[in-house]
Amino acid sequence: MDNAMLASICAAEARITRSADELAQPLPAHPAARDDADGSAAGFADRLREALHDVDALERLAAEKMAAVDAGRSDDLVGAMLASQQASLNFSMLLQTRNKLAGALDELIKLQI
């Protein structure tokens, strides 16, 4: 397997794990109360948008690798399959997050005030 691809997959996995850990933290009372290192406020929607972009980038990378193997420009079939599986796993994790959010929203709607 190509070292650059392995590093890319590990970096993407670390970003997704870090995002998941941050999403698991309780939200502050006001979104502006939480600042990133660059001083900009980062809310839940921003984190979710970032996760979506990461999953999309992995999907595109996997599609490019598979297209290169199909066209004969690359002989790294194992790397293409690993990228495809990584993208599939990340997409599944994103779907599970969406399902949990939808379930939580349903529970909030069912609450009686």
N, C-alpha and C. Protein backbone atom coordinates (compact mmCIF):
# COMPACT_ATOMS: atom_id res chain seq x y z
N MET A 1 0.85 -1.16 0.00
CA MET A 1 0.00 0.00 0.00
C MET A 1 0.90 1.23 0.00
N ASP A 2 0.49 2.24 -0.71
CA ASP A 2 1.22 3.48 -0.82
C ASP A 2 1.22 4.21 0.52
N ASN A 3 2.38 4.69 0.96
CA ASN A 3 2.49 5.38 2.25
C ASN A 3 1.67 6.66 2.29
N ALA A 4 1.60 7.36 1.16
CA ALA A 4 0.82 8.60 1.12
C ALA A 4 -0.66 8.31 1.31
N MET A 5 -1.13 7.23 0.70
CA MET A 5 -2.54 6.87 0.84
C MET A 5 -2.83 6.45 2.28
N LEU A 6 -1.94 5.67 2.86
CA LEU A 6 -2.12 5.24 4.24
C LEU A 6 -2.13 6.45 5.17
N ALA A 7 -1.25 7.40 4.95
CA ALA A 7 -1.22 8.61 5.77
C ALA A 7 -2.51 9.41 5.60
N SER A 8 -3.02 9.46 4.36
CA SER A 8 -4.26 10.18 4.09
C SER A 8 -5.43 9.53 4.80
N ILE A 9 -5.50 8.22 4.75
CA ILE A 9 -6.58 7.50 5.42
C ILE A 9 -6.50 7.68 6.93
N CYS A 10 -5.29 7.58 7.47
CA CYS A 10 -5.12 7.75 8.92
C CYS A 10 -5.49 9.17 9.35
N ALA A 11 -5.11 10.17 8.54
CA ALA A 11 -5.44 11.56 8.87
C ALA A 11 -6.95 11.78 8.83
N ALA A 12 -7.62 11.22 7.82
CA ALA A 12 -9.07 11.36 7.71
C ALA A 12 -9.76 10.67 8.89
N GLU A 13 -9.27 9.49 9.24
CA GLU A 13 -9.85 8.77 10.37
C GLU A 13 -9.66 9.55 11.67
N ALA A 14 -8.50 10.17 11.83
CA ALA A 14 -8.24 10.97 13.04
C ALA A 14 -9.16 12.18 13.08
N ARG A 15 -9.39 12.84 11.92
CA ARG A 15 -10.29 14.00 11.88
C ARG A 15 -11.70 13.58 12.24
N ILE A 16 -12.15 12.46 11.71
CA ILE A 16 -13.51 12.00 11.98
C ILE A 16 -13.66 11.60 13.44
N THR A 17 -12.66 10.93 13.98
CA THR A 17 -12.70 10.54 15.39
C THR A 17 -12.71 11.79 16.27
N ARG A 18 -11.87 12.78 15.92
CA ARG A 18 -11.83 14.02 16.68
C ARG A 18 -13.17 14.75 16.60
N SER A 19 -13.75 14.77 15.40
CA SER A 19 -15.06 15.42 15.24
C SER A 19 -16.13 14.70 16.05
N ALA A 20 -16.08 13.36 16.04
CA ALA A 20 -17.06 12.59 16.80
C ALA A 20 -16.90 12.84 18.30
N ASP A 21 -15.65 12.93 18.76
CA ASP A 21 -15.40 13.22 20.17
C ASP A 21 -15.91 14.61 20.53
N GLU A 22 -15.70 15.57 19.64
CA GLU A 22 -16.17 16.93 19.90
C GLU A 22 -17.69 16.99 19.88
N LEU A 23 -18.32 16.21 19.00
CA LEU A 23 -19.78 16.19 18.94
C LEU A 23 -20.37 15.57 20.20
N ALA A 24 -19.62 14.68 20.84
CA ALA A 24 -20.11 14.03 22.05
C ALA A 24 -20.05 14.95 23.27
N GLN A 25 -19.27 16.04 23.17
CA GLN A 25 -19.17 16.98 24.27
C GLN A 25 -20.45 17.80 24.37
N PRO A 26 -20.87 18.17 25.59
CA PRO A 26 -22.06 19.00 25.73
C PRO A 26 -21.84 20.37 25.09
N LEU A 27 -22.88 20.89 24.46
CA LEU A 27 -22.80 22.19 23.82
C LEU A 27 -22.87 23.29 24.87
N PRO A 28 -22.16 24.39 24.67
CA PRO A 28 -22.24 25.50 25.61
C PRO A 28 -23.61 26.17 25.52
N ALA A 29 -23.91 27.02 26.50
CA ALA A 29 -25.21 27.69 26.54
C ALA A 29 -25.41 28.58 25.33
N HIS A 30 -24.36 29.17 24.82
CA HIS A 30 -24.44 30.04 23.66
C HIS A 30 -23.37 29.61 22.67
N PRO A 31 -23.71 29.42 21.38
CA PRO A 31 -22.71 28.94 20.42
C PRO A 31 -21.48 29.82 20.33
N ALA A 32 -21.59 31.11 20.54
CA ALA A 32 -20.44 32.00 20.45
C ALA A 32 -19.48 31.82 21.63
N ALA A 33 -19.91 31.11 22.67
CA ALA A 33 -19.06 30.91 23.85
C ALA A 33 -17.94 29.93 23.56
N ARG A 34 -18.06 29.14 22.50
CA ARG A 34 -17.06 28.14 22.18
C ARG A 34 -16.27 28.61 20.98
N ASP A 35 -14.97 28.82 21.14
CA ASP A 35 -14.13 29.31 20.06
C ASP A 35 -13.12 28.26 19.67
N ASP A 36 -12.81 28.24 18.37
CA ASP A 36 -11.73 27.39 17.87
C ASP A 36 -10.40 28.10 18.10
N ALA A 37 -9.32 27.46 17.70
CA ALA A 37 -7.99 28.03 17.87
C ALA A 37 -7.84 29.33 17.08
N ASP A 38 -8.55 29.45 15.96
CA ASP A 38 -8.42 30.66 15.15
C ASP A 38 -9.37 31.77 15.61
N GLY A 39 -10.13 31.54 16.68
CA GLY A 39 -10.98 32.57 17.25
C GLY A 39 -12.40 32.59 16.70
N SER A 40 -12.71 31.74 15.74
CA SER A 40 -14.06 31.74 15.20
C SER A 40 -14.95 30.79 15.99
N ALA A 41 -16.19 31.17 16.13
CA ALA A 41 -17.13 30.33 16.86
C ALA A 41 -17.47 29.12 16.02
N ALA A 42 -17.44 27.94 16.63
CA ALA A 42 -17.74 26.70 15.91
C ALA A 42 -18.91 26.03 16.60
N GLY A 43 -20.02 25.93 15.91
CA GLY A 43 -21.20 25.30 16.47
C GLY A 43 -21.37 23.89 15.96
N PHE A 44 -22.45 23.29 16.39
CA PHE A 44 -22.75 21.93 15.99
C PHE A 44 -22.92 21.81 14.49
N ALA A 45 -23.61 22.77 13.89
CA ALA A 45 -23.83 22.73 12.44
C ALA A 45 -22.51 22.79 11.68
N ASP A 46 -21.56 23.58 12.17
CA ASP A 46 -20.26 23.66 11.52
C ASP A 46 -19.52 22.33 11.60
N ARG A 47 -19.60 21.69 12.75
CA ARG A 47 -18.94 20.39 12.91
C ARG A 47 -19.58 19.34 12.00
N LEU A 48 -20.89 19.38 11.90
CA LEU A 48 -21.58 18.42 11.04
C LEU A 48 -21.24 18.68 9.58
N ARG A 49 -21.19 19.95 9.20
CA ARG A 49 -20.83 20.31 7.83
C ARG A 49 -19.41 19.83 7.51
N GLU A 50 -18.50 19.99 8.46
CA GLU A 50 -17.12 19.53 8.28
C GLU A 50 -17.06 18.01 8.09
N ALA A 51 -17.84 17.29 8.89
CA ALA A 51 -17.89 15.83 8.75
C ALA A 51 -18.44 15.43 7.39
N LEU A 52 -19.45 16.15 6.92
CA LEU A 52 -20.00 15.86 5.59
C LEU A 52 -18.95 16.07 4.50
N HIS A 53 -18.20 17.16 4.61
CA HIS A 53 -17.16 17.43 3.62
C HIS A 53 -16.06 16.37 3.66
N ASP A 54 -15.70 15.90 4.87
CA ASP A 54 -14.69 14.85 4.99
C ASP A 54 -15.16 13.55 4.33
N VAL A 55 -16.41 13.19 4.56
CA VAL A 55 -16.96 11.97 3.96
C VAL A 55 -17.00 12.11 2.44
N ASP A 56 -17.41 13.28 1.97
CA ASP A 56 -17.46 13.52 0.52
C ASP A 56 -16.07 13.42 -0.09
N ALA A 57 -15.07 13.99 0.58
CA ALA A 57 -13.70 13.94 0.07
C ALA A 57 -13.20 12.50 -0.01
N LEU A 58 -13.51 11.70 1.00
CA LEU A 58 -13.08 10.29 0.97
C LEU A 58 -13.79 9.53 -0.14
N GLU A 59 -15.07 9.83 -0.36
CA GLU A 59 -15.82 9.18 -1.45
C GLU A 59 -15.20 9.53 -2.80
N ARG A 60 -14.85 10.80 -2.98
CA ARG A 60 -14.25 11.23 -4.25
C ARG A 60 -12.88 10.59 -4.46
N LEU A 61 -12.08 10.53 -3.39
CA LEU A 61 -10.77 9.90 -3.48
C LEU A 61 -10.89 8.44 -3.87
N ALA A 62 -11.83 7.74 -3.25
CA ALA A 62 -12.04 6.33 -3.56
C ALA A 62 -12.49 6.16 -5.01
N ALA A 63 -13.39 7.03 -5.46
CA ALA A 63 -13.86 6.95 -6.85
C ALA A 63 -12.72 7.20 -7.83
N GLU A 64 -11.85 8.17 -7.52
CA GLU A 64 -10.71 8.45 -8.39
C GLU A 64 -9.76 7.25 -8.46
N LYS A 65 -9.50 6.64 -7.31
CA LYS A 65 -8.60 5.48 -7.29
C LYS A 65 -9.19 4.30 -8.07
N MET A 66 -10.49 4.08 -7.90
CA MET A 66 -11.14 2.99 -8.64
C MET A 66 -11.14 3.28 -10.15
N ALA A 67 -11.38 4.54 -10.53
CA ALA A 67 -11.37 4.90 -11.95
C ALA A 67 -9.97 4.72 -12.53
N ALA A 68 -8.94 5.06 -11.75
CA ALA A 68 -7.57 4.89 -12.22
C ALA A 68 -7.24 3.42 -12.43
N VAL A 69 -7.70 2.57 -11.54
CA VAL A 69 -7.47 1.13 -11.70
C VAL A 69 -8.25 0.60 -12.90
N ASP A 70 -9.50 1.04 -13.05
CA ASP A 70 -10.33 0.60 -14.18
C ASP A 70 -9.73 1.02 -15.52
N ALA A 71 -9.17 2.23 -15.56
CA ALA A 71 -8.60 2.74 -16.82
C ALA A 71 -7.20 2.21 -17.09
N GLY A 72 -6.60 1.53 -16.12
CA GLY A 72 -5.27 0.98 -16.30
C GLY A 72 -4.16 1.96 -15.97
N ARG A 73 -4.49 3.12 -15.43
CA ARG A 73 -3.47 4.10 -15.06
C ARG A 73 -2.77 3.71 -13.76
N SER A 74 -3.37 2.83 -13.00
CA SER A 74 -2.80 2.41 -11.72
C SER A 74 -3.00 0.90 -11.56
N ASP A 75 -2.04 0.29 -10.87
CA ASP A 75 -2.19 -1.14 -10.58
C ASP A 75 -2.37 -1.38 -9.08
N ASP A 76 -2.73 -0.33 -8.36
CA ASP A 76 -2.91 -0.41 -6.90
C ASP A 76 -4.37 -0.78 -6.57
N LEU A 77 -4.73 -2.01 -6.91
CA LEU A 77 -6.09 -2.47 -6.66
C LEU A 77 -6.38 -2.55 -5.16
N VAL A 78 -5.40 -3.01 -4.39
CA VAL A 78 -5.59 -3.12 -2.94
C VAL A 78 -5.82 -1.74 -2.33
N GLY A 79 -5.04 -0.76 -2.74
CA GLY A 79 -5.22 0.60 -2.24
C GLY A 79 -6.57 1.17 -2.61
N ALA A 80 -7.02 0.90 -3.83
CA ALA A 80 -8.33 1.38 -4.27
C ALA A 80 -9.44 0.72 -3.47
N MET A 81 -9.31 -0.57 -3.21
CA MET A 81 -10.33 -1.27 -2.43
C MET A 81 -10.34 -0.78 -0.98
N LEU A 82 -9.16 -0.54 -0.42
CA LEU A 82 -9.10 -0.01 0.95
C LEU A 82 -9.71 1.38 1.03
N ALA A 83 -9.44 2.22 0.04
CA ALA A 83 -10.03 3.56 0.03
C ALA A 83 -11.55 3.46 -0.10
N SER A 84 -12.01 2.52 -0.90
CA SER A 84 -13.45 2.32 -1.07
C SER A 84 -14.09 1.85 0.24
N GLN A 85 -13.45 0.93 0.92
CA GLN A 85 -13.98 0.44 2.19
C GLN A 85 -13.95 1.53 3.26
N GLN A 86 -12.88 2.34 3.27
CA GLN A 86 -12.79 3.45 4.22
C GLN A 86 -13.91 4.45 3.97
N ALA A 87 -14.16 4.78 2.73
CA ALA A 87 -15.23 5.71 2.38
C ALA A 87 -16.58 5.13 2.78
N SER A 88 -16.77 3.84 2.54
CA SER A 88 -18.03 3.19 2.90
C SER A 88 -18.24 3.19 4.41
N LEU A 89 -17.20 2.92 5.17
CA LEU A 89 -17.30 2.93 6.62
C LEU A 89 -17.62 4.32 7.15
N ASN A 90 -16.95 5.33 6.60
CA ASN A 90 -17.21 6.70 7.03
C ASN A 90 -18.63 7.13 6.68
N PHE A 91 -19.13 6.71 5.53
CA PHE A 91 -20.49 7.03 5.15
C PHE A 91 -21.47 6.35 6.10
N SER A 92 -21.20 5.10 6.46
CA SER A 92 -22.05 4.39 7.42
C SER A 92 -22.07 5.09 8.77
N MET A 93 -20.90 5.56 9.21
CA MET A 93 -20.84 6.29 10.48
C MET A 93 -21.65 7.58 10.40
N LEU A 94 -21.59 8.26 9.26
CA LEU A 94 -22.36 9.48 9.08
C LEU A 94 -23.86 9.19 9.09
N LEU A 95 -24.27 8.09 8.46
CA LEU A 95 -25.68 7.71 8.49
C LEU A 95 -26.15 7.38 9.90
N GLN A 96 -25.31 6.71 10.67
CA GLN A 96 -25.67 6.39 12.04
C GLN A 96 -25.81 7.67 12.88
N THR A 97 -24.94 8.65 12.62
CA THR A 97 -25.06 9.93 13.31
C THR A 97 -26.37 10.60 12.95
N ARG A 98 -26.71 10.58 11.66
CA ARG A 98 -27.97 11.17 11.22
C ARG A 98 -29.15 10.47 11.88
N ASN A 99 -29.10 9.15 11.94
CA ASN A 99 -30.18 8.39 12.56
C ASN A 99 -30.31 8.72 14.05
N LYS A 100 -29.19 8.87 14.74
CA LYS A 100 -29.23 9.24 16.16
C LYS A 100 -29.82 10.64 16.34
N LEU A 101 -29.44 11.56 15.47
CA LEU A 101 -29.98 12.92 15.54
C LEU A 101 -31.48 12.92 15.27
N ALA A 102 -31.92 12.16 14.29
CA ALA A 102 -33.35 12.09 13.98
C ALA A 102 -34.11 11.47 15.15
N GLY A 103 -33.55 10.44 15.77
CA GLY A 103 -34.18 9.82 16.93
C GLY A 103 -34.27 10.79 18.10
N ALA A 104 -33.21 11.55 18.32
CA ALA A 104 -33.22 12.54 19.41
C ALA A 104 -34.26 13.62 19.14
N LEU A 105 -34.37 14.05 17.90
CA LEU A 105 -35.36 15.05 17.54
C LEU A 105 -36.77 14.51 17.75
N ASP A 106 -36.99 13.27 17.37
CA ASP A 106 -38.30 12.64 17.61
C ASP A 106 -38.64 12.59 19.10
N GLU A 107 -37.64 12.27 19.92
CA GLU A 107 -37.87 12.24 21.37
C GLU A 107 -38.18 13.62 21.91
N LEU A 108 -37.52 14.64 21.39
CA LEU A 108 -37.81 16.01 21.82
C LEU A 108 -39.22 16.43 21.43
N ILE A 109 -39.65 16.02 20.26
CA ILE A 109 -40.98 16.36 19.80
C ILE A 109 -42.03 15.68 20.67
N LYS A 110 -41.75 14.47 21.12
CA LYS A 110 -42.70 13.72 21.93
C LYS A 110 -42.81 14.24 23.36
N LEU A 111 -41.82 15.02 23.82
CA LEU A 111 -41.87 15.55 25.17
C LEU A 111 -43.07 16.47 25.35
N GLN A 112 -43.71 16.30 26.48
CA GLN A 112 -44.84 17.16 26.79
C GLN A 112 -44.37 18.33 27.62
N ILE A 113 -44.82 19.48 27.24
CA ILE A 113 -44.38 20.69 27.94
C ILE A 113 -45.45 21.13 28.91
